[in-house]
PDB file of N, CA and C in Angstrom:
ATOM      1  N   UNK A   1       0.891  -1.165  -0.021  1.00  0.00           N
ATOM      2  CA  UNK A   1      -0.010   0.062  -0.038  1.00  0.00           C
ATOM      3  C   UNK A   1       0.910   1.258   0.060  1.00  0.00           C
ATOM      4  N   UNK A   2       2.002   1.211   0.788  1.00  0.00           N
ATOM      5  CA  UNK A   2       2.777   2.411   0.896  1.00  0.00           C
ATOM      6  C   UNK A   2       3.547   2.648  -0.477  1.00  0.00           C
ATOM      7  N   UNK A   3       3.913   1.606  -1.043  1.00  0.00           N
ATOM      8  CA  UNK A   3       4.695   1.712  -2.364  1.00  0.00           C
ATOM      9  C   UNK A   3       3.745   2.219  -3.386  1.00  0.00           C
ATOM     10  N   UNK A   4       2.469   1.845  -3.448  1.00  0.00           N
ATOM     11  CA  UNK A   4       1.509   2.383  -4.401  1.00  0.00           C
ATOM     12  C   UNK A   4       1.266   3.868  -4.174  1.00  0.00           C
ATOM     13  N   UNK A   5       1.183   4.222  -2.851  1.00  0.00           N
ATOM     14  CA  UNK A   5       1.059   5.682  -2.575  1.00  0.00           C
ATOM     15  C   UNK A   5       2.210   6.465  -3.048  1.00  0.00           C
ATOM     16  N   UNK A   6       3.473   5.926  -2.852  1.00  0.00           N
ATOM     17  CA  UNK A   6       4.662   6.566  -3.381  1.00  0.00           C
ATOM     18  C   UNK A   6       4.630   6.675  -4.892  1.00  0.00           C
ATOM     19  N   UNK A   7       4.164   5.682  -5.596  1.00  0.00           N
ATOM     20  CA  UNK A   7       4.133   5.757  -7.042  1.00  0.00           C
ATOM     21  C   UNK A   7       3.126   6.789  -7.553  1.00  0.00           C
ATOM     22  N   UNK A   8       2.013   6.930  -6.797  1.00  0.00           N
ATOM     23  CA  UNK A   8       1.069   8.015  -7.106  1.00  0.00           C
ATOM     24  C   UNK A   8       1.587   9.383  -6.948  1.00  0.00           C
ATOM     25  N   UNK A   9       2.401   9.567  -5.893  1.00  0.00           N
ATOM     26  CA  UNK A   9       3.035  10.850  -5.658  1.00  0.00           C
ATOM     27  C   UNK A   9       4.021  11.093  -6.786  1.00  0.00           C
ATOM     28  N   UNK A  10       4.816  10.133  -7.150  1.00  0.00           N
ATOM     29  CA  UNK A  10       5.802  10.334  -8.191  1.00  0.00           C
ATOM     30  C   UNK A  10       5.174  10.877  -9.510  1.00  0.00           C
ATOM     31  N   UNK A  11       3.946  10.334  -9.808  1.00  0.00           N
ATOM     32  CA  UNK A  11       3.229  10.707 -11.052  1.00  0.00           C
ATOM     33  C   UNK A  11       2.870  12.185 -10.959  1.00  0.00           C
ATOM     34  N   UNK A  12       2.662  12.701  -9.789  1.00  0.00           N
ATOM     35  CA  UNK A  12       2.201  14.066  -9.661  1.00  0.00           C
ATOM     36  C   UNK A  12       3.328  15.138  -9.609  1.00  0.00           C
ATOM     37  N   UNK A  13       4.601  14.736  -9.460  1.00  0.00           N
ATOM     38  CA  UNK A  13       5.720  15.665  -9.288  1.00  0.00           C
ATOM     39  C   UNK A  13       5.932  16.418 -10.602  1.00  0.00           C
ATOM     40  N   UNK A  14       6.288  17.684 -10.464  1.00  0.00           N
ATOM     41  CA  UNK A  14       6.609  18.538 -11.619  1.00  0.00           C
ATOM     42  C   UNK A  14       7.751  17.976 -12.426  1.00  0.00           C
ATOM     43  N   UNK A  15       7.672  18.009 -13.773  1.00  0.00           N
ATOM     44  CA  UNK A  15       8.732  17.466 -14.641  1.00  0.00           C
ATOM     45  C   UNK A  15       9.730  18.623 -15.021  1.00  0.00           C
ATOM     46  N   UNK A  16       9.595  19.750 -14.515  1.00  0.00           N
ATOM     47  CA  UNK A  16      10.487  20.853 -14.889  1.00  0.00           C
ATOM     48  C   UNK A  16      11.775  20.961 -14.090  1.00  0.00           C
ATOM     49  N   UNK A  17      11.760  20.210 -12.978  1.00  0.00           N
ATOM     50  CA  UNK A  17      12.920  20.228 -12.035  1.00  0.00           C
ATOM     51  C   UNK A  17      13.378  18.834 -11.862  1.00  0.00           C
ATOM     52  N   UNK A  18      14.664  18.596 -11.628  1.00  0.00           N
ATOM     53  CA  UNK A  18      15.126  17.210 -11.288  1.00  0.00           C
ATOM     54  C   UNK A  18      14.781  16.865  -9.896  1.00  0.00           C
ATOM     55  N   UNK A  19      14.274  15.672  -9.655  1.00  0.00           N
ATOM     56  CA  UNK A  19      13.980  15.161  -8.313  1.00  0.00           C
ATOM     57  C   UNK A  19      14.466  13.738  -8.146  1.00  0.00           C
ATOM     58  N   UNK A  20      14.954  13.444  -6.940  1.00  0.00           N
ATOM     59  CA  UNK A  20      15.472  12.142  -6.652  1.00  0.00           C
ATOM     60  C   UNK A  20      14.337  11.349  -5.923  1.00  0.00           C
ATOM     61  N   UNK A  21      13.905  10.374  -6.624  1.00  0.00           N
ATOM     62  CA  UNK A  21      12.732   9.630  -6.107  1.00  0.00           C
ATOM     63  C   UNK A  21      13.189   8.251  -5.455  1.00  0.00           C
ATOM     64  N   UNK A  22      14.378   8.262  -4.891  1.00  0.00           N
ATOM     65  CA  UNK A  22      14.697   6.967  -4.233  1.00  0.00           C
ATOM     66  C   UNK A  22      13.804   6.876  -2.963  1.00  0.00           C
ATOM     67  N   UNK A  23      13.566   5.637  -2.407  1.00  0.00           N
ATOM     68  CA  UNK A  23      12.645   5.519  -1.232  1.00  0.00           C
ATOM     69  C   UNK A  23      13.063   6.373  -0.019  1.00  0.00           C
ATOM     70  N   UNK A  24      14.298   6.691   0.146  1.00  0.00           N
ATOM     71  CA  UNK A  24      14.785   7.588   1.234  1.00  0.00           C
ATOM     72  C   UNK A  24      14.203   8.954   1.101  1.00  0.00           C
ATOM     73  N   UNK A  25      13.613   9.332  -0.037  1.00  0.00           N
ATOM     74  CA  UNK A  25      13.020  10.688  -0.201  1.00  0.00           C
ATOM     75  C   UNK A  25      11.521  10.784   0.177  1.00  0.00           C
ATOM     76  N   UNK A  26      11.029   9.672   0.716  1.00  0.00           N
ATOM     77  CA  UNK A  26       9.656   9.565   1.148  1.00  0.00           C
ATOM     78  C   UNK A  26       9.560   9.352   2.652  1.00  0.00           C
ATOM     79  N   UNK A  27       8.808  10.156   3.302  1.00  0.00           N
ATOM     80  CA  UNK A  27       8.676  10.194   4.724  1.00  0.00           C
ATOM     81  C   UNK A  27       7.276   9.993   5.099  1.00  0.00           C
ATOM     82  N   UNK A  28       6.986   9.240   6.145  1.00  0.00           N
ATOM     83  CA  UNK A  28       5.644   9.049   6.640  1.00  0.00           C
ATOM     84  C   UNK A  28       5.572  10.028   7.857  1.00  0.00           C
ATOM     85  N   UNK A  29       4.621  10.949   7.831  1.00  0.00           N
ATOM     86  CA  UNK A  29       4.492  11.863   8.984  1.00  0.00           C
ATOM     87  C   UNK A  29       3.511  11.323   9.991  1.00  0.00           C
ATOM     88  N   UNK A  30       3.413  12.050  11.189  1.00  0.00           N
ATOM     89  CA  UNK A  30       2.494  11.506  12.225  1.00  0.00           C
ATOM     90  C   UNK A  30       1.048  11.304  11.839  1.00  0.00           C
ATOM     91  N   UNK A  31       0.642  11.984  10.816  1.00  0.00           N
ATOM     92  CA  UNK A  31      -0.825  11.827  10.329  1.00  0.00           C
ATOM     93  C   UNK A  31      -0.897  10.709   9.299  1.00  0.00           C
ATOM     94  N   UNK A  32       0.170   9.904   9.086  1.00  0.00           N
ATOM     95  CA  UNK A  32       0.220   8.876   8.141  1.00  0.00           C
ATOM     96  C   UNK A  32       0.086   9.287   6.718  1.00  0.00           C
ATOM     97  N   UNK A  33       0.467  10.519   6.412  1.00  0.00           N
ATOM     98  CA  UNK A  33       0.604  11.029   5.077  1.00  0.00           C
ATOM     99  C   UNK A  33       2.029  10.798   4.652  1.00  0.00           C
ATOM    100  N   UNK A  34       2.241  10.508   3.428  1.00  0.00           N
ATOM    101  CA  UNK A  34       3.576  10.416   2.797  1.00  0.00           C
ATOM    102  C   UNK A  34       3.903  11.728   2.300  1.00  0.00           C
ATOM    103  N   UNK A  35       5.161  12.155   2.702  1.00  0.00           N
ATOM    104  CA  UNK A  35       5.704  13.482   2.270  1.00  0.00           C
ATOM    105  C   UNK A  35       6.985  13.195   1.509  1.00  0.00           C
ATOM    106  N   UNK A  36       7.101  13.917   0.413  1.00  0.00           N
ATOM    107  CA  UNK A  36       8.353  13.775  -0.445  1.00  0.00           C
ATOM    108  C   UNK A  36       9.273  14.912  -0.035  1.00  0.00           C
ATOM    109  N   UNK A  37      10.557  14.440   0.213  1.00  0.00           N
ATOM    110  CA  UNK A  37      11.578  15.372   0.637  1.00  0.00           C
ATOM    111  C   UNK A  37      12.836  15.067  -0.148  1.00  0.00           C
ATOM    112  N   UNK A  38      13.419  16.107  -0.856  1.00  0.00           N
ATOM    113  CA  UNK A  38      14.522  15.809  -1.732  1.00  0.00           C
ATOM    114  C   UNK A  38      15.587  16.793  -1.354  1.00  0.00           C
ATOM    115  N   UNK A  39      16.765  16.384  -1.058  1.00  0.00           N
ATOM    116  CA  UNK A  39      17.909  17.136  -0.730  1.00  0.00           C
ATOM    117  C   UNK A  39      18.942  17.097  -1.648  1.00  0.00           C
ATOM    118  N   UNK A  40      18.766  16.417  -2.810  1.00  0.00           N
ATOM    119  CA  UNK A  40      19.820  16.259  -3.868  1.00  0.00           C
ATOM    120  C   UNK A  40      20.047  17.511  -4.558  1.00  0.00           C
ATOM    121  N   UNK A  41      21.303  17.977  -4.841  1.00  0.00           N
ATOM    122  CA  UNK A  41      21.539  19.176  -5.562  1.00  0.00           C
ATOM    123  C   UNK A  41      20.989  19.129  -7.067  1.00  0.00           C
ATOM    124  N   UNK A  42      20.641  20.222  -7.513  1.00  0.00           N
ATOM    125  CA  UNK A  42      19.993  20.370  -8.860  1.00  0.00           C
ATOM    126  C   UNK A  42      21.103  19.764  -9.879  1.00  0.00           C
ATOM    127  N   UNK A  43      20.669  18.956 -10.773  1.00  0.00           N
ATOM    128  CA  UNK A  43      21.469  18.414 -11.892  1.00  0.00           C
ATOM    129  C   UNK A  43      22.912  18.002 -11.455  1.00  0.00           C
ATOM    130  N   UNK A  44      22.955  17.062 -10.452  1.00  0.00           N
ATOM    131  CA  UNK A  44      24.354  16.704  -9.911  1.00  0.00           C
ATOM    132  C   UNK A  44      25.265  16.124 -10.949  1.00  0.00           C
ATOM    133  N   UNK A  45      24.674  15.564 -12.008  1.00  0.00           N
ATOM    134  CA  UNK A  45      25.535  14.846 -13.025  1.00  0.00           C
ATOM    135  C   UNK A  45      26.174  15.870 -14.012  1.00  0.00           C
ATOM    136  N   UNK A  46      25.832  17.082 -13.941  1.00  0.00           N
ATOM    137  CA  UNK A  46      26.330  18.120 -14.843  1.00  0.00           C
ATOM    138  C   UNK A  46      27.739  18.674 -14.431  1.00  0.00           C
ATOM    139  N   UNK A  47      28.107  18.454 -13.169  1.00  0.00           N
ATOM    140  CA  UNK A  47      29.375  19.031 -12.720  1.00  0.00           C
ATOM    141  C   UNK A  47      30.512  18.337 -13.329  1.00  0.00           C
ATOM    142  N   UNK A  48      31.387  19.136 -14.027  1.00  0.00           N
ATOM    143  CA  UNK A  48      32.507  18.579 -14.698  1.00  0.00           C
ATOM    144  C   UNK A  48      33.736  18.575 -13.841  1.00  0.00           C
ATOM    145  N   UNK A  49      33.727  19.294 -12.769  1.00  0.00           N
ATOM    146  CA  UNK A  49      34.810  19.330 -11.801  1.00  0.00           C
ATOM    147  C   UNK A  49      34.947  17.977 -10.982  1.00  0.00           C
ATOM    148  N   UNK A  50      35.842  17.198 -11.155  1.00  0.00           N
ATOM    149  CA  UNK A  50      35.922  15.858 -10.573  1.00  0.00           C
ATOM    150  C   UNK A  50      35.915  15.990  -9.048  1.00  0.00           C
ATOM    151  N   UNK A  51      36.573  17.072  -8.541  1.00  0.00           N
ATOM    152  CA  UNK A  51      36.555  17.266  -7.057  1.00  0.00           C
ATOM    153  C   UNK A  51      35.164  17.463  -6.535  1.00  0.00           C
ATOM    154  N   UNK A  52      34.325  18.275  -7.353  1.00  0.00           N
ATOM    155  CA  UNK A  52      32.966  18.530  -6.965  1.00  0.00           C
ATOM    156  C   UNK A  52      32.133  17.201  -7.045  1.00  0.00           C
ATOM    157  N   UNK A  53      32.389  16.411  -8.104  1.00  0.00           N
ATOM    158  CA  UNK A  53      31.690  15.211  -8.237  1.00  0.00           C
ATOM    159  C   UNK A  53      31.909  14.271  -7.118  1.00  0.00           C
ATOM    160  N   UNK A  54      33.187  14.230  -6.569  1.00  0.00           N
ATOM    161  CA  UNK A  54      33.540  13.365  -5.471  1.00  0.00           C
ATOM    162  C   UNK A  54      32.857  13.815  -4.239  1.00  0.00           C
ATOM    163  N   UNK A  55      32.693  15.127  -4.048  1.00  0.00           N
ATOM    164  CA  UNK A  55      31.958  15.582  -2.862  1.00  0.00           C
ATOM    165  C   UNK A  55      30.405  15.181  -2.922  1.00  0.00           C
ATOM    166  N   UNK A  56      29.866  15.251  -4.155  1.00  0.00           N
ATOM    167  CA  UNK A  56      28.454  14.806  -4.351  1.00  0.00           C
ATOM    168  C   UNK A  56      28.367  13.344  -4.100  1.00  0.00           C
ATOM    169  N   UNK A  57      29.295  12.605  -4.643  1.00  0.00           N
ATOM    170  CA  UNK A  57      29.123  11.116  -4.457  1.00  0.00           C
ATOM    171  C   UNK A  57      29.273  10.740  -3.010  1.00  0.00           C
ATOM    172  N   UNK A  58      30.067  11.485  -2.262  1.00  0.00           N
ATOM    173  CA  UNK A  58      30.177  11.226  -0.826  1.00  0.00           C
ATOM    174  C   UNK A  58      28.972  11.598  -0.041  1.00  0.00           C
ATOM    175  N   UNK A  59      28.309  12.664  -0.400  1.00  0.00           N
ATOM    176  CA  UNK A  59      27.170  13.150   0.269  1.00  0.00           C
ATOM    177  C   UNK A  59      25.913  12.408  -0.150  1.00  0.00           C
ATOM    178  N   UNK A  60      25.914  12.092  -1.454  1.00  0.00           N
ATOM    179  CA  UNK A  60      24.708  11.560  -2.012  1.00  0.00           C
ATOM    180  C   UNK A  60      25.019  10.206  -2.819  1.00  0.00           C
ATOM    181  N   UNK A  61      25.315   9.120  -2.051  1.00  0.00           N
ATOM    182  CA  UNK A  61      25.768   7.909  -2.706  1.00  0.00           C
ATOM    183  C   UNK A  61      24.881   7.352  -3.659  1.00  0.00           C
ATOM    184  N   UNK A  62      23.570   7.600  -3.617  1.00  0.00           N
ATOM    185  CA  UNK A  62      22.672   6.998  -4.643  1.00  0.00           C
ATOM    186  C   UNK A  62      22.747   7.645  -5.964  1.00  0.00           C
ATOM    187  N   UNK A  63      23.570   8.766  -6.119  1.00  0.00           N
ATOM    188  CA  UNK A  63      23.740   9.403  -7.372  1.00  0.00           C
ATOM    189  C   UNK A  63      24.616   8.495  -8.218  1.00  0.00           C
ATOM    190  N   UNK A  64      25.502   7.734  -7.583  1.00  0.00           N
ATOM    191  CA  UNK A  64      26.394   6.774  -8.314  1.00  0.00           C
ATOM    192  C   UNK A  64      25.643   5.436  -8.323  1.00  0.00           C
ATOM    193  N   UNK A  65      25.283   4.982  -9.509  1.00  0.00           N
ATOM    194  CA  UNK A  65      24.598   3.754  -9.595  1.00  0.00           C
ATOM    195  C   UNK A  65      24.788   3.114 -10.961  1.00  0.00           C
ATOM    196  N   UNK A  66      24.118   1.980 -11.209  1.00  0.00           N
ATOM    197  CA  UNK A  66      24.387   1.164 -12.350  1.00  0.00           C
ATOM    198  C   UNK A  66      23.514   1.584 -13.682  1.00  0.00           C
ATOM    199  N   UNK A  67      22.549   2.392 -13.520  1.00  0.00           N
ATOM    200  CA  UNK A  67      21.762   2.739 -14.595  1.00  0.00           C
ATOM    201  C   UNK A  67      22.201   3.944 -15.403  1.00  0.00           C
ATOM    202  N   UNK A  68      21.820   4.044 -16.673  1.00  0.00           N
ATOM    203  CA  UNK A  68      22.274   5.134 -17.471  1.00  0.00           C
ATOM    204  C   UNK A  68      21.100   6.118 -17.630  1.00  0.00           C
ATOM    205  N   UNK A  69      21.388   7.164 -18.340  1.00  0.00           N
ATOM    206  CA  UNK A  69      20.360   8.283 -18.673  1.00  0.00           C
ATOM    207  C   UNK A  69      19.821   8.817 -17.414  1.00  0.00           C
ATOM    208  N   UNK A  70      20.601   9.392 -16.564  1.00  0.00           N
ATOM    209  CA  UNK A  70      20.243   9.930 -15.300  1.00  0.00           C
ATOM    210  C   UNK A  70      19.225  11.087 -15.526  1.00  0.00           C
ATOM    211  N   UNK A  71      19.433  11.864 -16.647  1.00  0.00           N
ATOM    212  CA  UNK A  71      18.486  12.916 -16.906  1.00  0.00           C
ATOM    213  C   UNK A  71      17.078  12.425 -16.871  1.00  0.00           C
ATOM    214  N   UNK A  72      16.784  11.341 -17.577  1.00  0.00           N
ATOM    215  CA  UNK A  72      15.454  10.765 -17.615  1.00  0.00           C
ATOM    216  C   UNK A  72      14.935  10.265 -16.183  1.00  0.00           C
ATOM    217  N   UNK A  73      15.885   9.703 -15.461  1.00  0.00           N
ATOM    218  CA  UNK A  73      15.551   9.197 -14.149  1.00  0.00           C
ATOM    219  C   UNK A  73      15.262  10.254 -13.139  1.00  0.00           C
ATOM    220  N   UNK A  74      15.689  11.510 -13.427  1.00  0.00           N
ATOM    221  CA  UNK A  74      15.411  12.643 -12.491  1.00  0.00           C
ATOM    222  C   UNK A  74      14.255  13.504 -12.900  1.00  0.00           C
ATOM    223  N   UNK A  75      13.900  13.530 -14.256  1.00  0.00           N
ATOM    224  CA  UNK A  75      12.900  14.399 -14.748  1.00  0.00           C
ATOM    225  C   UNK A  75      11.551  13.776 -15.166  1.00  0.00           C
ATOM    226  N   UNK A  76      11.616  12.606 -15.627  1.00  0.00           N
ATOM    227  CA  UNK A  76      10.282  12.042 -16.198  1.00  0.00           C
ATOM    228  C   UNK A  76       9.575  11.173 -15.258  1.00  0.00           C
ATOM    229  N   UNK A  77       8.274  11.045 -15.190  1.00  0.00           N
ATOM    230  CA  UNK A  77       7.528  10.189 -14.320  1.00  0.00           C
ATOM    231  C   UNK A  77       8.018   8.702 -14.452  1.00  0.00           C
ATOM    232  N   UNK A  78       8.180   8.299 -15.669  1.00  0.00           N
ATOM    233  CA  UNK A  78       8.532   6.845 -15.990  1.00  0.00           C
ATOM    234  C   UNK A  78       9.980   6.563 -15.412  1.00  0.00           C
ATOM    235  N   UNK A  79      10.875   7.497 -15.664  1.00  0.00           N
ATOM    236  CA  UNK A  79      12.287   7.363 -15.202  1.00  0.00           C
ATOM    237  C   UNK A  79      12.327   7.437 -13.660  1.00  0.00           C
ATOM    238  N   UNK A  80      11.566   8.321 -13.039  1.00  0.00           N
ATOM    239  CA  UNK A  80      11.537   8.387 -11.642  1.00  0.00           C
ATOM    240  C   UNK A  80      10.975   7.144 -11.001  1.00  0.00           C
ATOM    241  N   UNK A  81       9.883   6.510 -11.555  1.00  0.00           N
ATOM    242  CA  UNK A  81       9.381   5.302 -11.114  1.00  0.00           C
ATOM    243  C   UNK A  81      10.401   4.221 -11.196  1.00  0.00           C
ATOM    244  N   UNK A  82      11.124   4.268 -12.307  1.00  0.00           N
ATOM    245  CA  UNK A  82      12.145   3.205 -12.509  1.00  0.00           C
ATOM    246  C   UNK A  82      13.247   3.315 -11.340  1.00  0.00           C
ATOM    247  N   UNK A  83      13.642   4.600 -11.161  1.00  0.00           N
ATOM    248  CA  UNK A  83      14.670   4.911 -10.124  1.00  0.00           C
ATOM    249  C   UNK A  83      14.175   4.392  -8.699  1.00  0.00           C
ATOM    250  N   UNK A  84      12.919   4.730  -8.340  1.00  0.00           N
ATOM    251  CA  UNK A  84      12.323   4.335  -7.103  1.00  0.00           C
ATOM    252  C   UNK A  84      12.313   2.882  -6.977  1.00  0.00           C
ATOM    253  N   UNK A  85      11.910   2.097  -7.979  1.00  0.00           N
ATOM    254  CA  UNK A  85      11.729   0.701  -7.851  1.00  0.00           C
ATOM    255  C   UNK A  85      13.099   0.005  -7.849  1.00  0.00           C
ATOM    256  N   UNK A  86      14.063   0.626  -8.581  1.00  0.00           N
ATOM    257  CA  UNK A  86      15.495   0.172  -8.522  1.00  0.00           C
ATOM    258  C   UNK A  86      16.000   0.121  -7.141  1.00  0.00           C
ATOM    259  N   UNK A  87      15.905   1.323  -6.530  1.00  0.00           N
ATOM    260  CA  UNK A  87      16.433   1.430  -5.134  1.00  0.00           C
ATOM    261  C   UNK A  87      15.605   0.620  -4.062  1.00  0.00           C
ATOM    262  N   UNK A  88      14.278   0.544  -4.319  1.00  0.00           N
ATOM    263  CA  UNK A  88      13.442  -0.232  -3.445  1.00  0.00           C
ATOM    264  C   UNK A  88      13.856  -1.723  -3.423  1.00  0.00           C
ATOM    265  N   UNK A  89      14.087  -2.189  -4.724  1.00  0.00           N
ATOM    266  CA  UNK A  89      14.525  -3.614  -4.795  1.00  0.00           C
ATOM    267  C   UNK A  89      15.822  -3.862  -4.032  1.00  0.00           C
ATOM    268  N   UNK A  90      16.763  -2.874  -4.109  1.00  0.00           N
ATOM    269  CA  UNK A  90      17.987  -3.059  -3.406  1.00  0.00           C
ATOM    270  C   UNK A  90      17.798  -2.987  -1.846  1.00  0.00           C
ATOM    271  N   UNK A  91      16.764  -2.286  -1.486  1.00  0.00           N
ATOM    272  CA  UNK A  91      16.425  -2.306   0.014  1.00  0.00           C
ATOM    273  C   UNK A  91      15.896  -3.582   0.535  1.00  0.00           C
ATOM    274  N   UNK A  92      15.090  -4.242  -0.281  1.00  0.00           N
ATOM    275  CA  UNK A  92      14.468  -5.501   0.090  1.00  0.00           C
ATOM    276  C   UNK A  92      15.135  -6.639  -0.420  1.00  0.00           C
TER     277      UNK A  92
END
């Protein structure tokens, strides 16, 4: 039930900004509402400075992963759902 609620939220997120939809970005508040919280820097894959990339990788380890086309995974509902399910699978 919680996974389906998260998927419904992902479908409603704006596509004009990159969002990290890994399961850690979803929080259950005291009223049993699911809240989306994203602390990932905007467009983290665009930084060409390798030192800056290392900082991001250390702070946000889920940025480094096995799938390609990160732009799609951060901007489109389909890509965000794929990202969510990828990380959910790794959790369970």
